[in-house]
Amino acid sequence: MRVLVVDDSEVFRNVLCAVVAETPGFEIVGVASSGRETLAVIGSLAVQFVLVDLNMPDLDGIETGLRIRRRHPNVVVLLLTAARRASLSDSSLMEDKRDLSPEFLADFWRRHGRH
């Protein structure tokens, strides 16, 4: 699984990368610190799965995710938040990043991945 990690916080980017690295079958192919940076690099990385922070300046995670899905419909996007329950129409595609684990990522991919 080729994963792109997107978070404006270097600390959370590092934590997310560590979780992805511990998930069997997953590999980090890129990191980005903003939505705009994500959109600039995603096409060249053959990404399958993107972990996107919900709250980023300039271009938030929701808009970033929508643009990814329009341009790359086979890419799975998981929005991550540090807020306990942000409002989103499909909360199955959002998770508290403090609760993220290799088991969660593997299970999420089994349920939502493009096979």
Protein backbone atom coordinates (compact mmCIF):
# COMPACT_ATOMS: atom_id res chain seq x y z
CA MET A 1 0.00 0.00 0.00
CA ARG A 2 1.54 3.28 -1.11
CA VAL A 3 0.73 5.98 1.45
CA LEU A 4 1.05 9.77 1.42
CA VAL A 5 0.99 11.48 4.85
CA VAL A 6 -0.30 15.07 4.98
CA ASP A 7 -0.19 17.20 8.14
CA ASP A 8 0.94 20.75 8.82
CA SER A 9 2.40 19.64 12.17
CA GLU A 10 5.85 18.08 11.89
CA VAL A 11 5.24 16.19 15.15
CA PHE A 12 2.03 14.59 13.86
CA ARG A 13 3.63 13.88 10.44
CA ASN A 14 6.37 11.95 12.24
CA VAL A 15 3.86 10.07 14.41
CA LEU A 16 1.71 9.20 11.39
CA CYS A 17 4.76 8.02 9.46
CA ALA A 18 5.74 5.78 12.37
CA VAL A 19 2.25 4.23 12.48
CA VAL A 20 2.24 3.65 8.72
CA ALA A 21 5.74 2.11 8.87
CA GLU A 22 4.50 -0.36 11.51
CA THR A 23 1.53 -1.43 9.37
CA PRO A 24 2.33 -4.61 7.40
CA GLY A 25 2.13 -4.06 3.66
CA PHE A 26 2.10 -0.26 3.91
CA GLU A 27 4.90 2.02 2.76
CA ILE A 28 5.31 5.78 2.94
CA VAL A 29 5.94 7.17 -0.52
CA GLY A 30 5.70 10.83 0.44
CA VAL A 31 4.89 13.44 3.04
CA ALA A 32 3.39 16.89 2.64
CA SER A 33 2.79 19.77 5.01
CA SER A 34 -0.12 21.42 3.20
CA GLY A 35 -3.01 20.72 0.88
CA ARG A 36 -1.38 22.63 -1.95
CA GLU A 37 1.86 20.67 -1.57
CA THR A 38 -0.18 17.44 -1.59
CA LEU A 39 -1.90 18.33 -4.84
CA ALA A 40 1.43 19.24 -6.42
CA VAL A 41 3.10 15.88 -5.63
CA ILE A 42 0.35 13.27 -5.55
CA GLY A 43 0.31 12.58 -9.29
CA SER A 44 3.98 11.65 -9.40
CA LEU A 45 3.91 9.22 -6.45
CA ALA A 46 1.44 6.49 -7.55
CA VAL A 47 -0.34 6.91 -4.21
CA GLN A 48 -3.11 4.51 -3.18
CA PHE A 49 -3.96 5.87 0.28
CA VAL A 50 -3.70 9.41 1.69
CA LEU A 51 -3.86 10.33 5.38
CA VAL A 52 -4.89 14.00 5.52
CA ASP A 53 -5.10 16.30 8.53
CA LEU A 54 -8.54 17.90 8.66
CA ASN A 55 -7.40 21.29 10.01
CA MET A 56 -4.68 22.87 7.91
CA PRO A 57 -4.23 26.52 7.00
CA ASP A 58 -4.88 27.72 3.45
CA LEU A 59 -6.42 24.52 2.03
CA ASP A 60 -8.06 22.35 4.70
CA GLY A 61 -8.27 18.57 4.69
CA ILE A 62 -11.83 18.43 3.38
CA GLU A 63 -11.06 20.56 0.32
CA THR A 64 -7.76 18.71 -0.20
CA GLY A 65 -9.57 15.37 -0.03
CA LEU A 66 -12.27 16.50 -2.45
CA ARG A 67 -9.67 17.68 -4.97
CA ILE A 68 -7.72 14.43 -4.63
CA ARG A 69 -10.90 12.40 -5.25
CA ARG A 70 -11.82 14.47 -8.33
CA ARG A 71 -8.36 14.12 -9.89
CA HIS A 72 -7.52 10.62 -8.62
CA PRO A 73 -10.79 8.71 -8.04
CA ASN A 74 -9.04 5.45 -7.14
CA VAL A 75 -7.09 7.00 -4.27
CA VAL A 76 -8.55 6.38 -0.81
CA VAL A 77 -8.52 9.43 1.48
CA LEU A 78 -8.77 9.24 5.28
CA LEU A 79 -9.29 12.54 7.09
CA LEU A 80 -7.61 12.81 10.48
CA THR A 81 -8.45 15.20 13.27
CA ALA A 82 -7.30 15.91 16.79
CA ALA A 83 -10.79 17.25 17.61
CA ARG A 84 -12.92 14.58 19.23
CA ARG A 85 -15.84 14.57 16.80
CA ALA A 86 -15.78 16.94 13.93
CA SER A 87 -18.91 17.00 11.82
CA LEU A 88 -18.68 15.25 8.48
CA SER A 89 -21.39 13.54 6.45
CA ASP A 90 -19.42 10.28 6.24
CA SER A 91 -17.61 9.94 9.54
CA SER A 92 -16.41 6.45 8.54
CA LEU A 93 -13.79 8.31 6.49
CA MET A 94 -12.54 10.34 9.46
CA GLU A 95 -10.58 9.26 12.52
CA ASP A 96 -9.02 10.87 15.58
CA LYS A 97 -5.32 10.84 14.71
CA ARG A 98 -4.42 10.29 18.36
CA ASP A 99 -6.17 6.89 18.16
CA LEU A 100 -4.54 5.75 14.93
CA SER A 101 -2.82 2.37 15.02
CA PRO A 102 -1.43 -0.15 12.52
CA GLU A 103 -4.44 -2.37 13.24
CA PHE A 104 -6.86 0.47 12.50
CA LEU A 105 -5.11 1.29 9.19
CA ALA A 106 -5.10 -2.33 8.04
CA ASP A 107 -8.78 -2.73 8.96
CA PHE A 108 -9.71 0.58 7.33
CA TRP A 109 -8.01 -0.50 4.10
CA ARG A 110 -9.82 -3.85 4.16
CA ARG A 111 -13.15 -1.98 4.43
CA HIS A 112 -12.53 0.99 2.12
CA GLY A 113 -9.59 0.11 -0.13
CA ARG A 114 -9.78 -0.16 -3.89
CA HIS A 115 -9.16 -3.80 -4.66
